[in-house]
Amino acid sequence: MYARDNAATADDGQQLPGSAQIEAAVTALRMLADPTRLRLLWLLRDGEYDVGSLAAEVGAARPAVSQHLAKLLLAGLVKVRRDGRRALYRARGGHVRRLVTEALHAAEHHLTGAPDHD
């Protein structure tokens, strides 16, 4: 049996995503490759936080957290809402929340040797 025998073909109904979609996904995954940004997104999955609260939670300086949030915002992974002078951040939608959750659960399975889910 050859590897190409198991590969998806055009007859399978599967097509490669377009270049723009691939680039957007690569950008999002790059953003997750930073430990501080991944921690921030983990917190932002379940609620809104301001910069000061996030900085305290992740143990980073406020300016660094602000820069990380700006990158996450540009990548479309977080959204911001103004409440007076405060900016409140949260993860942008269910796809982002699930991506972060799945990435960390997959890492946990890898580290603990737990079996994969099918």
PDB file of N, CA and C in Angstrom:
ATOM      1  N   MET A   1       0.847  -1.180   0.000  1.00  0.00           N
ATOM      2  CA  MET A   1       0.000   0.000   0.000  1.00  0.00           C
ATOM      3  C   MET A   1       0.889   1.238   0.000  1.00  0.00           C
ATOM      4  N   TYR A   2       0.511   2.225  -0.792  1.00  0.00           N
ATOM      5  CA  TYR A   2       1.272   3.463  -0.901  1.00  0.00           C
ATOM      6  C   TYR A   2       0.567   4.575  -0.142  1.00  0.00           C
ATOM      7  N   ALA A   3       1.347   5.559   0.304  1.00  0.00           N
ATOM      8  CA  ALA A   3       0.783   6.681   1.048  1.00  0.00           C
ATOM      9  C   ALA A   3      -0.286   7.393   0.232  1.00  0.00           C
ATOM     10  N   ARG A   4      -0.094   7.463  -1.088  1.00  0.00           N
ATOM     11  CA  ARG A   4      -1.078   8.166  -1.909  1.00  0.00           C
ATOM     12  C   ARG A   4      -2.420   7.445  -1.947  1.00  0.00           C
ATOM     13  N   ASP A   5      -2.436   6.163  -1.611  1.00  0.00           N
ATOM     14  CA  ASP A   5      -3.691   5.421  -1.592  1.00  0.00           C
ATOM     15  C   ASP A   5      -4.632   5.943  -0.514  1.00  0.00           C
ATOM     16  N   ASN A   6      -4.065   6.486   0.563  1.00  0.00           N
ATOM     17  CA  ASN A   6      -4.872   7.003   1.660  1.00  0.00           C
ATOM     18  C   ASN A   6      -5.099   8.501   1.572  1.00  0.00           C
ATOM     19  N   ALA A   7      -4.481   9.150   0.618  1.00  0.00           N
ATOM     20  CA  ALA A   7      -4.595  10.602   0.500  1.00  0.00           C
ATOM     21  C   ALA A   7      -5.954  10.974  -0.072  1.00  0.00           C
ATOM     22  N   ALA A   8      -6.452  12.120   0.377  1.00  0.00           N
ATOM     23  CA  ALA A   8      -7.713  12.624  -0.155  1.00  0.00           C
ATOM     24  C   ALA A   8      -7.487  13.092  -1.591  1.00  0.00           C
ATOM     25  N   THR A   9      -8.443  12.819  -2.433  1.00  0.00           N
ATOM     26  CA  THR A   9      -8.359  13.250  -3.824  1.00  0.00           C
ATOM     27  C   THR A   9      -9.532  14.162  -4.123  1.00  0.00           C
ATOM     28  N   ALA A  10      -9.513  14.745  -5.311  1.00  0.00           N
ATOM     29  CA  ALA A  10     -10.619  15.610  -5.722  1.00  0.00           C
ATOM     30  C   ALA A  10     -11.937  14.842  -5.729  1.00  0.00           C
ATOM     31  N   ASP A  11     -11.874  13.530  -5.976  1.00  0.00           N
ATOM     32  CA  ASP A  11     -13.087  12.714  -5.999  1.00  0.00           C
ATOM     33  C   ASP A  11     -13.699  12.559  -4.613  1.00  0.00           C
ATOM     34  N   ASP A  12     -12.907  12.778  -3.549  1.00  0.00           N
ATOM     35  CA  ASP A  12     -13.399  12.653  -2.190  1.00  0.00           C
ATOM     36  C   ASP A  12     -14.252  13.846  -1.768  1.00  0.00           C
ATOM     37  N   GLY A  13     -14.273  14.893  -2.601  1.00  0.00           N
ATOM     38  CA  GLY A  13     -15.030  16.084  -2.231  1.00  0.00           C
ATOM     39  C   GLY A  13     -14.250  17.020  -1.339  1.00  0.00           C
ATOM     40  N   GLN A  14     -12.991  16.710  -1.047  1.00  0.00           N
ATOM     41  CA  GLN A  14     -12.166  17.576  -0.211  1.00  0.00           C
ATOM     42  C   GLN A  14     -11.282  18.422  -1.101  1.00  0.00           C
ATOM     43  N   GLN A  15     -11.263  19.707  -0.820  1.00  0.00           N
ATOM     44  CA  GLN A  15     -10.401  20.612  -1.551  1.00  0.00           C
ATOM     45  C   GLN A  15      -9.547  21.364  -0.560  1.00  0.00           C
ATOM     46  N   LEU A  16      -8.369  21.723  -1.011  1.00  0.00           N
ATOM     47  CA  LEU A  16      -7.515  22.554  -0.174  1.00  0.00           C
ATOM     48  C   LEU A  16      -8.187  23.902   0.047  1.00  0.00           C
ATOM     49  N   PRO A  17      -8.084  24.439   1.257  1.00  0.00           N
ATOM     50  CA  PRO A  17      -8.608  25.794   1.483  1.00  0.00           C
ATOM     51  C   PRO A  17      -7.825  26.794   0.632  1.00  0.00           C
ATOM     52  N   GLY A  18      -8.419  27.937   0.393  1.00  0.00           N
ATOM     53  CA  GLY A  18      -7.773  28.981  -0.389  1.00  0.00           C
ATOM     54  C   GLY A  18      -6.589  29.592   0.338  1.00  0.00           C
ATOM     55  N   SER A  19      -5.761  30.284  -0.404  1.00  0.00           N
ATOM     56  CA  SER A  19      -4.548  30.890   0.150  1.00  0.00           C
ATOM     57  C   SER A  19      -4.842  31.856   1.290  1.00  0.00           C
ATOM     58  N   ALA A  20      -5.872  32.672   1.142  1.00  0.00           N
ATOM     59  CA  ALA A  20      -6.205  33.645   2.190  1.00  0.00           C
ATOM     60  C   ALA A  20      -6.604  32.935   3.482  1.00  0.00           C
ATOM     61  N   GLN A  21      -7.355  31.861   3.358  1.00  0.00           N
ATOM     62  CA  GLN A  21      -7.778  31.108   4.539  1.00  0.00           C
ATOM     63  C   GLN A  21      -6.585  30.440   5.211  1.00  0.00           C
ATOM     64  N   ILE A  22      -5.686  29.873   4.408  1.00  0.00           N
ATOM     65  CA  ILE A  22      -4.475  29.251   4.962  1.00  0.00           C
ATOM     66  C   ILE A  22      -3.631  30.286   5.690  1.00  0.00           C
ATOM     67  N   GLU A  23      -3.431  31.446   5.077  1.00  0.00           N
ATOM     68  CA  GLU A  23      -2.618  32.503   5.700  1.00  0.00           C
ATOM     69  C   GLU A  23      -3.242  32.996   7.005  1.00  0.00           C
ATOM     70  N   ALA A  24      -4.560  33.144   7.041  1.00  0.00           N
ATOM     71  CA  ALA A  24      -5.230  33.573   8.270  1.00  0.00           C
ATOM     72  C   ALA A  24      -5.064  32.527   9.366  1.00  0.00           C
ATOM     73  N   ALA A  25      -5.152  31.254   9.003  1.00  0.00           N
ATOM     74  CA  ALA A  25      -4.969  30.182   9.989  1.00  0.00           C
ATOM     75  C   ALA A  25      -3.529  30.147  10.495  1.00  0.00           C
ATOM     76  N   VAL A  26      -2.569  30.330   9.600  1.00  0.00           N
ATOM     77  CA  VAL A  26      -1.158  30.343  10.001  1.00  0.00           C
ATOM     78  C   VAL A  26      -0.894  31.502  10.953  1.00  0.00           C
ATOM     79  N   THR A  27      -1.464  32.650  10.660  1.00  0.00           N
ATOM     80  CA  THR A  27      -1.301  33.810  11.545  1.00  0.00           C
ATOM     81  C   THR A  27      -1.880  33.514  12.919  1.00  0.00           C
ATOM     82  N   ALA A  28      -3.061  32.930  12.961  1.00  0.00           N
ATOM     83  CA  ALA A  28      -3.690  32.598  14.246  1.00  0.00           C
ATOM     84  C   ALA A  28      -2.833  31.593  15.026  1.00  0.00           C
ATOM     85  N   LEU A  29      -2.338  30.578  14.342  1.00  0.00           N
ATOM     86  CA  LEU A  29      -1.517  29.576  15.027  1.00  0.00           C
ATOM     87  C   LEU A  29      -0.200  30.173  15.506  1.00  0.00           C
ATOM     88  N   ARG A  30       0.350  31.105  14.738  1.00  0.00           N
ATOM     89  CA  ARG A  30       1.573  31.797  15.179  1.00  0.00           C
ATOM     90  C   ARG A  30       1.324  32.555  16.478  1.00  0.00           C
ATOM     91  N   MET A  31       0.156  33.174  16.567  1.00  0.00           N
ATOM     92  CA  MET A  31      -0.186  33.924  17.780  1.00  0.00           C
ATOM     93  C   MET A  31      -0.275  32.991  18.987  1.00  0.00           C
ATOM     94  N   LEU A  32      -0.735  31.779  18.764  1.00  0.00           N
ATOM     95  CA  LEU A  32      -0.852  30.808  19.856  1.00  0.00           C
ATOM     96  C   LEU A  32       0.496  30.226  20.256  1.00  0.00           C
ATOM     97  N   ALA A  33       1.519  30.437  19.447  1.00  0.00           N
ATOM     98  CA  ALA A  33       2.838  29.855  19.711  1.00  0.00           C
ATOM     99  C   ALA A  33       3.603  30.604  20.797  1.00  0.00           C
ATOM    100  N   ASP A  34       3.058  31.670  21.325  1.00  0.00           N
ATOM    101  CA  ASP A  34       3.694  32.427  22.402  1.00  0.00           C
ATOM    102  C   ASP A  34       3.021  32.064  23.727  1.00  0.00           C
ATOM    103  N   PRO A  35       3.800  31.663  24.740  1.00  0.00           N
ATOM    104  CA  PRO A  35       3.184  31.234  26.010  1.00  0.00           C
ATOM    105  C   PRO A  35       2.303  32.289  26.670  1.00  0.00           C
ATOM    106  N   THR A  36       2.719  33.542  26.654  1.00  0.00           N
ATOM    107  CA  THR A  36       1.899  34.580  27.282  1.00  0.00           C
ATOM    108  C   THR A  36       0.596  34.766  26.535  1.00  0.00           C
ATOM    109  N   ARG A  37       0.645  34.789  25.205  1.00  0.00           N
ATOM    110  CA  ARG A  37      -0.592  34.949  24.439  1.00  0.00           C
ATOM    111  C   ARG A  37      -1.524  33.760  24.619  1.00  0.00           C
ATOM    112  N   LEU A  38      -0.972  32.562  24.706  1.00  0.00           N
ATOM    113  CA  LEU A  38      -1.816  31.383  24.935  1.00  0.00           C
ATOM    114  C   LEU A  38      -2.470  31.461  26.311  1.00  0.00           C
ATOM    115  N   ARG A  39      -1.725  31.897  27.311  1.00  0.00           N
ATOM    116  CA  ARG A  39      -2.313  32.072  28.652  1.00  0.00           C
ATOM    117  C   ARG A  39      -3.422  33.126  28.620  1.00  0.00           C
ATOM    118  N   LEU A  40      -3.167  34.224  27.915  1.00  0.00           N
ATOM    119  CA  LEU A  40      -4.190  35.269  27.815  1.00  0.00           C
ATOM    120  C   LEU A  40      -5.459  34.736  27.168  1.00  0.00           C
ATOM    121  N   LEU A  41      -5.298  34.021  26.074  1.00  0.00           N
ATOM    122  CA  LEU A  41      -6.479  33.478  25.399  1.00  0.00           C
ATOM    123  C   LEU A  41      -7.206  32.449  26.254  1.00  0.00           C
ATOM    124  N   TRP A  42      -6.459  31.693  27.037  1.00  0.00           N
ATOM    125  CA  TRP A  42      -7.100  30.733  27.944  1.00  0.00           C
ATOM    126  C   TRP A  42      -8.033  31.475  28.905  1.00  0.00           C
ATOM    127  N   LEU A  43      -7.539  32.579  29.454  1.00  0.00           N
ATOM    128  CA  LEU A  43      -8.373  33.362  30.373  1.00  0.00           C
ATOM    129  C   LEU A  43      -9.554  34.014  29.649  1.00  0.00           C
ATOM    130  N   LEU A  44      -9.306  34.489  28.434  1.00  0.00           N
ATOM    131  CA  LEU A  44     -10.330  35.229  27.695  1.00  0.00           C
ATOM    132  C   LEU A  44     -11.412  34.327  27.100  1.00  0.00           C
ATOM    133  N   ARG A  45     -11.248  33.011  27.200  1.00  0.00           N
ATOM    134  CA  ARG A  45     -12.268  32.091  26.695  1.00  0.00           C
ATOM    135  C   ARG A  45     -13.583  32.258  27.430  1.00  0.00           C
ATOM    136  N   ASP A  46     -13.507  32.517  28.718  1.00  0.00           N
ATOM    137  CA  ASP A  46     -14.704  32.463  29.555  1.00  0.00           C
ATOM    138  C   ASP A  46     -15.202  33.806  30.066  1.00  0.00           C
ATOM    139  N   GLY A  47     -14.582  34.889  29.650  1.00  0.00           N
ATOM    140  CA  GLY A  47     -15.067  36.170  30.137  1.00  0.00           C
ATOM    141  C   GLY A  47     -14.232  37.328  29.658  1.00  0.00           C
ATOM    142  N   GLU A  48     -14.622  38.505  30.119  1.00  0.00           N
ATOM    143  CA  GLU A  48     -13.943  39.734  29.743  1.00  0.00           C
ATOM    144  C   GLU A  48     -12.971  40.148  30.847  1.00  0.00           C
ATOM    145  N   TYR A  49     -11.846  40.663  30.409  1.00  0.00           N
ATOM    146  CA  TYR A  49     -10.829  41.157  31.333  1.00  0.00           C
ATOM    147  C   TYR A  49     -10.269  42.463  30.805  1.00  0.00           C
ATOM    148  N   ASP A  50      -9.850  43.329  31.731  1.00  0.00           N
ATOM    149  CA  ASP A  50      -9.099  44.507  31.314  1.00  0.00           C
ATOM    150  C   ASP A  50      -7.612  44.180  31.379  1.00  0.00           C
ATOM    151  N   VAL A  51      -6.789  45.077  30.875  1.00  0.00           N
ATOM    152  CA  VAL A  51      -5.346  44.830  30.785  1.00  0.00           C
ATOM    153  C   VAL A  51      -4.733  44.594  32.161  1.00  0.00           C
ATOM    154  N   GLY A  52      -5.132  45.394  33.134  1.00  0.00           N
ATOM    155  CA  GLY A  52      -4.569  45.249  34.478  1.00  0.00           C
ATOM    156  C   GLY A  52      -4.861  43.887  35.090  1.00  0.00           C
ATOM    157  N   SER A  53      -6.082  43.424  34.942  1.00  0.00           N
ATOM    158  CA  SER A  53      -6.459  42.113  35.486  1.00  0.00           C
ATOM    159  C   SER A  53      -5.703  40.992  34.773  1.00  0.00           C
ATOM    160  N   LEU A  54      -5.582  41.108  33.456  1.00  0.00           N
ATOM    161  CA  LEU A  54      -4.847  40.089  32.707  1.00  0.00           C
ATOM    162  C   LEU A  54      -3.375  40.072  33.100  1.00  0.00           C
ATOM    163  N   ALA A  55      -2.794  41.255  33.261  1.00  0.00           N
ATOM    164  CA  ALA A  55      -1.379  41.339  33.650  1.00  0.00           C
ATOM    165  C   ALA A  55      -1.159  40.659  35.002  1.00  0.00           C
ATOM    166  N   ALA A  56      -2.060  40.889  35.932  1.00  0.00           N
ATOM    167  CA  ALA A  56      -1.940  40.251  37.246  1.00  0.00           C
ATOM    168  C   ALA A  56      -2.082  38.738  37.151  1.00  0.00           C
ATOM    169  N   GLU A  57      -3.022  38.275  36.334  1.00  0.00           N
ATOM    170  CA  GLU A  57      -3.266  36.830  36.205  1.00  0.00           C
ATOM    171  C   GLU A  57      -2.092  36.087  35.574  1.00  0.00           C
ATOM    172  N   VAL A  58      -1.478  36.676  34.552  1.00  0.00           N
ATOM    173  CA  VAL A  58      -0.397  35.972  33.853  1.00  0.00           C
ATOM    174  C   VAL A  58       0.987  36.351  34.369  1.00  0.00           C
ATOM    175  N   GLY A  59       1.058  37.314  35.282  1.00  0.00           N
ATOM    176  CA  GLY A  59       2.339  37.704  35.860  1.00  0.00           C
ATOM    177  C   GLY A  59       3.250  38.426  34.880  1.00  0.00           C
ATOM    178  N   ALA A  60       2.661  39.263  34.052  1.00  0.00           N
ATOM    179  CA  ALA A  60       3.436  40.026  33.068  1.00  0.00           C
ATOM    180  C   ALA A  60       3.162  41.512  33.267  1.00  0.00           C
ATOM    181  N   ALA A  61       4.044  42.330  32.748  1.00  0.00           N
ATOM    182  CA  ALA A  61       3.886  43.779  32.845  1.00  0.00           C
ATOM    183  C   ALA A  61       2.729  44.241  31.959  1.00  0.00           C
ATOM    184  N   ARG A  62       2.048  45.294  32.405  1.00  0.00           N
ATOM    185  CA  ARG A  62       0.909  45.826  31.645  1.00  0.00           C
ATOM    186  C   ARG A  62       1.274  46.185  30.204  1.00  0.00           C
ATOM    187  N   PRO A  63       2.412  46.867  29.978  1.00  0.00           N
ATOM    188  CA  PRO A  63       2.746  47.200  28.584  1.00  0.00           C
ATOM    189  C   PRO A  63       2.934  45.954  27.712  1.00  0.00           C
ATOM    190  N   ALA A  64       3.518  44.918  28.273  1.00  0.00           N
ATOM    191  CA  ALA A  64       3.709  43.672  27.512  1.00  0.00           C
ATOM    192  C   ALA A  64       2.361  43.037  27.189  1.00  0.00           C
ATOM    193  N   VAL A  65       1.460  43.023  28.164  1.00  0.00           N
ATOM    194  CA  VAL A  65       0.125  42.451  27.940  1.00  0.00           C
ATOM    195  C   VAL A  65      -0.619  43.266  26.887  1.00  0.00           C
ATOM    196  N   SER A  66      -0.498  44.586  26.956  1.00  0.00           N
ATOM    197  CA  SER A  66      -1.141  45.437  25.948  1.00  0.00           C
ATOM    198  C   SER A  66      -0.635  45.113  24.546  1.00  0.00           C
ATOM    199  N   GLN A  67       0.668  44.912  24.408  1.00  0.00           N
ATOM    200  CA  GLN A  67       1.233  44.570  23.104  1.00  0.00           C
ATOM    201  C   GLN A  67       0.735  43.213  22.619  1.00  0.00           C
ATOM    202  N   HIS A  68       0.680  42.243  23.522  1.00  0.00           N
ATOM    203  CA  HIS A  68       0.165  40.917  23.155  1.00  0.00           C
ATOM    204  C   HIS A  68      -1.299  41.009  22.719  1.00  0.00           C
ATOM    205  N   LEU A  69      -2.093  41.785  23.450  1.00  0.00           N
ATOM    206  CA  LEU A  69      -3.503  41.938  23.099  1.00  0.00           C
ATOM    207  C   LEU A  69      -3.667  42.628  21.747  1.00  0.00           C
ATOM    208  N   ALA A  70      -2.818  43.585  21.458  1.00  0.00           N
ATOM    209  CA  ALA A  70      -2.882  44.260  20.157  1.00  0.00           C
ATOM    210  C   ALA A  70      -2.617  43.270  19.029  1.00  0.00           C
ATOM    211  N   LYS A  71      -1.655  42.376  19.222  1.00  0.00           N
ATOM    212  CA  LYS A  71      -1.361  41.358  18.206  1.00  0.00           C
ATOM    213  C   LYS A  71      -2.533  40.389  18.057  1.00  0.00           C
ATOM    214  N   LEU A  72      -3.106  39.969  19.179  1.00  0.00           N
ATOM    215  CA  LEU A  72      -4.248  39.058  19.134  1.00  0.00           C
ATOM    216  C   LEU A  72      -5.455  39.719  18.468  1.00  0.00           C
ATOM    217  N   LEU A  73      -5.620  41.008  18.703  1.00  0.00           N
ATOM    218  CA  LEU A  73      -6.708  41.760  18.087  1.00  0.00           C
ATOM    219  C   LEU A  73      -6.519  41.842  16.569  1.00  0.00           C
ATOM    220  N   LEU A  74      -5.302  42.154  16.143  1.00  0.00           N
ATOM    221  CA  LEU A  74      -5.009  42.229  14.705  1.00  0.00           C
ATOM    222  C   LEU A  74      -5.188  40.876  14.022  1.00  0.00           C
ATOM    223  N   ALA A  75      -4.888  39.805  14.738  1.00  0.00           N
ATOM    224  CA  ALA A  75      -5.032  38.462  14.174  1.00  0.00           C
ATOM    225  C   ALA A  75      -6.477  37.977  14.200  1.00  0.00           C
ATOM    226  N   GLY A  76      -7.367  38.751  14.815  1.00  0.00           N
ATOM    227  CA  GLY A  76      -8.774  38.380  14.857  1.00  0.00           C
ATOM    228  C   GLY A  76      -9.109  37.336  15.908  1.00  0.00           C
ATOM    229  N   LEU A  77      -8.243  37.190  16.910  1.00  0.00           N
ATOM    230  CA  LEU A  77      -8.481  36.176  17.937  1.00  0.00           C
ATOM    231  C   LEU A  77      -9.196  36.724  19.164  1.00  0.00           C
ATOM    232  N   VAL A  78      -9.156  38.028  19.355  1.00  0.00           N
ATOM    233  CA  VAL A  78      -9.871  38.657  20.469  1.00  0.00           C
ATOM    234  C   VAL A  78     -10.681  39.825  19.941  1.00  0.00           C
ATOM    235  N   LYS A  79     -11.638  40.232  20.737  1.00  0.00           N
ATOM    236  CA  LYS A  79     -12.391  41.443  20.442  1.00  0.00           C
ATOM    237  C   LYS A  79     -12.368  42.311  21.690  1.00  0.00           C
ATOM    238  N   VAL A  80     -12.607  43.580  21.502  1.00  0.00           N
ATOM    239  CA  VAL A  80     -12.527  44.533  22.604  1.00  0.00           C
ATOM    240  C   VAL A  80     -13.830  45.318  22.678  1.00  0.00           C
ATOM    241  N   ARG A  81     -14.203  45.639  23.904  1.00  0.00           N
ATOM    242  CA  ARG A  81     -15.398  46.436  24.163  1.00  0.00           C
ATOM    243  C   ARG A  81     -15.020  47.523  25.147  1.00  0.00           C
ATOM    244  N   ARG A  82     -15.463  48.737  24.885  1.00  0.00           N
ATOM    245  CA  ARG A  82     -15.187  49.863  25.778  1.00  0.00           C
ATOM    246  C   ARG A  82     -16.261  49.949  26.855  1.00  0.00           C
ATOM    247  N   ASP A  83     -15.797  50.170  28.080  1.00  0.00           N
ATOM    248  CA  ASP A  83     -16.683  50.414  29.205  1.00  0.00           C
ATOM    249  C   ASP A  83     -16.142  51.670  29.891  1.00  0.00           C
ATOM    250  N   GLY A  84     -16.626  52.808  29.444  1.00  0.00           N
ATOM    251  CA  GLY A  84     -16.054  54.072  29.919  1.00  0.00           C
ATOM    252  C   GLY A  84     -14.634  54.202  29.394  1.00  0.00           C
ATOM    253  N   ARG A  85     -13.685  54.335  30.293  1.00  0.00           N
ATOM    254  CA  ARG A  85     -12.279  54.444  29.896  1.00  0.00           C
ATOM    255  C   ARG A  85     -11.593  53.094  29.797  1.00  0.00           C
ATOM    256  N   ARG A  86     -12.231  52.061  30.311  1.00  0.00           N
ATOM    257  CA  ARG A  86     -11.633  50.715  30.300  1.00  0.00           C
ATOM    258  C   ARG A  86     -11.907  49.994  28.991  1.00  0.00           C
ATOM    259  N   ALA A  87     -10.926  49.239  28.570  1.00  0.00           N
ATOM    260  CA  ALA A  87     -11.090  48.346  27.417  1.00  0.00           C
ATOM    261  C   ALA A  87     -11.184  46.928  27.974  1.00  0.00           C
ATOM    262  N   LEU A  88     -12.243  46.231  27.608  1.00  0.00           N
ATOM    263  CA  LEU A  88     -12.452  44.859  28.063  1.00  0.00           C
ATOM    264  C   LEU A  88     -12.278  43.913  26.891  1.00  0.00           C
ATOM    265  N   TYR A  89     -11.435  42.914  27.082  1.00  0.00           N
ATOM    266  CA  TYR A  89     -11.103  41.960  26.028  1.00  0.00           C
ATOM    267  C   TYR A  89     -11.751  40.622  26.304  1.00  0.00           C
ATOM    268  N   ARG A  90     -12.068  39.902  25.226  1.00  0.00           N
ATOM    269  CA  ARG A  90     -12.564  38.529  25.325  1.00  0.00           C
ATOM    270  C   ARG A  90     -12.207  37.794  24.043  1.00  0.00           C
ATOM    271  N   ALA A  91     -12.181  36.465  24.121  1.00  0.00           N
ATOM    272  CA  ALA A  91     -11.899  35.653  22.935  1.00  0.00           C
ATOM    273  C   ALA A  91     -12.990  35.896  21.906  1.00  0.00           C
ATOM    274  N   ARG A  92     -12.608  35.872  20.652  1.00  0.00           N
ATOM    275  CA  ARG A  92     -13.553  36.148  19.576  1.00  0.00           C
ATOM    276  C   ARG A  92     -14.222  34.858  19.106  1.00  0.00           C
ATOM    277  N   GLY A  93     -15.353  34.535  19.678  1.00  0.00           N
ATOM    278  CA  GLY A  93     -16.182  33.448  19.187  1.00  0.00           C
ATOM    279  C   GLY A  93     -15.775  32.050  19.599  1.00  0.00           C
ATOM    280  N   GLY A  94     -16.676  31.136  19.284  1.00  0.00           N
ATOM    281  CA  GLY A  94     -16.525  29.737  19.667  1.00  0.00           C
ATOM    282  C   GLY A  94     -15.361  29.033  19.003  1.00  0.00           C
ATOM    283  N   HIS A  95     -15.047  29.395  17.756  1.00  0.00           N
ATOM    284  CA  HIS A  95     -13.928  28.742  17.080  1.00  0.00           C
ATOM    285  C   HIS A  95     -12.625  28.995  17.828  1.00  0.00           C
ATOM    286  N   VAL A  96     -12.410  30.233  18.246  1.00  0.00           N
ATOM    287  CA  VAL A  96     -11.177  30.581  18.959  1.00  0.00           C
ATOM    288  C   VAL A  96     -11.150  29.888  20.314  1.00  0.00           C
ATOM    289  N   ARG A  97     -12.269  29.909  21.012  1.00  0.00           N
ATOM    290  CA  ARG A  97     -12.325  29.236  22.321  1.00  0.00           C
ATOM    291  C   ARG A  97     -12.030  27.747  22.191  1.00  0.00           C
ATOM    292  N   ARG A  98     -12.622  27.110  21.193  1.00  0.00           N
ATOM    293  CA  ARG A  98     -12.384  25.673  21.000  1.00  0.00           C
ATOM    294  C   ARG A  98     -10.958  25.386  20.563  1.00  0.00           C
ATOM    295  N   LEU A  99     -10.388  26.250  19.723  1.00  0.00           N
ATOM    296  CA  LEU A  99      -9.009  26.070  19.278  1.00  0.00           C
ATOM    297  C   LEU A  99      -8.049  26.082  20.462  1.00  0.00           C
ATOM    298  N   VAL A 100      -8.204  27.051  21.338  1.00  0.00           N
ATOM    299  CA  VAL A 100      -7.343  27.153  22.521  1.00  0.00           C
ATOM    300  C   VAL A 100      -7.554  25.949  23.434  1.00  0.00           C
ATOM    301  N   THR A 101      -8.795  25.602  23.672  1.00  0.00           N
ATOM    302  CA  THR A 101      -9.109  24.460  24.540  1.00  0.00           C
ATOM    303  C   THR A 101      -8.525  23.174  23.971  1.00  0.00           C
ATOM    304  N   GLU A 102      -8.734  22.924  22.689  1.00  0.00           N
ATOM    305  CA  GLU A 102      -8.230  21.701  22.061  1.00  0.00           C
ATOM    306  C   GLU A 102      -6.709  21.644  22.056  1.00  0.00           C
ATOM    307  N   ALA A 103      -6.057  22.774  21.793  1.00  0.00           N
ATOM    308  CA  ALA A 103      -4.588  22.800  21.787  1.00  0.00           C
ATOM    309  C   ALA A 103      -4.043  22.418  23.163  1.00  0.00           C
ATOM    310  N   LEU A 104      -4.634  22.954  24.206  1.00  0.00           N
ATOM    311  CA  LEU A 104      -4.140  22.655  25.551  1.00  0.00           C
ATOM    312  C   LEU A 104      -4.531  21.256  26.007  1.00  0.00           C
ATOM    313  N   HIS A 105      -5.689  20.772  25.596  1.00  0.00           N
ATOM    314  CA  HIS A 105      -6.060  19.391  25.937  1.00  0.00           C
ATOM    315  C   HIS A 105      -5.184  18.390  25.187  1.00  0.00           C
ATOM    316  N   ALA A 106      -4.856  18.685  23.931  1.00  0.00           N
ATOM    317  CA  ALA A 106      -3.955  17.811  23.177  1.00  0.00           C
ATOM    318  C   ALA A 106      -2.580  17.775  23.839  1.00  0.00           C
ATOM    319  N   ALA A 107      -2.114  18.922  24.325  1.00  0.00           N
ATOM    320  CA  ALA A 107      -0.822  18.977  25.023  1.00  0.00           C
ATOM    321  C   ALA A 107      -0.874  18.155  26.309  1.00  0.00           C
ATOM    322  N   GLU A 108      -1.988  18.244  27.024  1.00  0.00           N
ATOM    323  CA  GLU A 108      -2.151  17.463  28.254  1.00  0.00           C
ATOM    324  C   GLU A 108      -2.103  15.964  27.952  1.00  0.00           C
ATOM    325  N   HIS A 109      -2.782  15.541  26.897  1.00  0.00           N
ATOM    326  CA  HIS A 109      -2.765  14.129  26.520  1.00  0.00           C
ATOM    327  C   HIS A 109      -1.354  13.682  26.146  1.00  0.00           C
ATOM    328  N   HIS A 110      -0.646  14.534  25.434  1.00  0.00           N
ATOM    329  CA  HIS A 110       0.731  14.220  25.043  1.00  0.00           C
ATOM    330  C   HIS A 110       1.613  14.058  26.275  1.00  0.00           C
ATOM    331  N   LEU A 111       1.472  14.975  27.220  1.00  0.00           N
ATOM    332  CA  LEU A 111       2.326  14.947  28.426  1.00  0.00           C
ATOM    333  C   LEU A 111       1.986  13.798  29.363  1.00  0.00           C
ATOM    334  N   THR A 112       0.708  13.450  29.451  1.00  0.00           N
ATOM    335  CA  THR A 112       0.298  12.422  30.404  1.00  0.00           C
ATOM    336  C   THR A 112       0.220  11.024  29.776  1.00  0.00           C
ATOM    337  N   GLY A 113       0.264  10.969  28.442  1.00  0.00           N
ATOM    338  CA  GLY A 113       0.130   9.678  27.775  1.00  0.00           C
ATOM    339  C   GLY A 113      -1.300   9.192  27.677  1.00  0.00           C
ATOM    340  N   ALA A 114      -2.250  10.081  27.969  1.00  0.00           N
ATOM    341  CA  ALA A 114      -3.659   9.707  27.859  1.00  0.00           C
ATOM    342  C   ALA A 114      -3.986   9.386  26.403  1.00  0.00           C
ATOM    343  N   PRO A 115      -4.890   8.453  26.174  1.00  0.00           N
ATOM    344  CA  PRO A 115      -5.221   8.093  24.786  1.00  0.00           C
ATOM    345  C   PRO A 115      -5.931   9.236  24.067  1.00  0.00           C
ATOM    346  N   ASP A 116      -5.725   9.301  22.764  1.00  0.00           N
ATOM    347  CA  ASP A 116      -6.405  10.308  21.949  1.00  0.00           C
ATOM    348  C   ASP A 116      -7.877   9.959  21.803  1.00  0.00           C
ATOM    349  N   HIS A 117      -8.670  10.978  21.540  1.00  0.00           N
ATOM    350  CA  HIS A 117     -10.092  10.795  21.253  1.00  0.00           C
ATOM    351  C   HIS A 117     -10.253  10.641  19.756  1.00  0.00           C
ATOM    352  N   ASP A 118     -11.140   9.791  19.341  1.00  0.00           N
ATOM    353  CA  ASP A 118     -11.412   9.651  17.903  1.00  0.00           C
ATOM    354  C   ASP A 118     -12.678  10.348  17.546  1.00  0.00           C
TER     355      ASP A 118
END
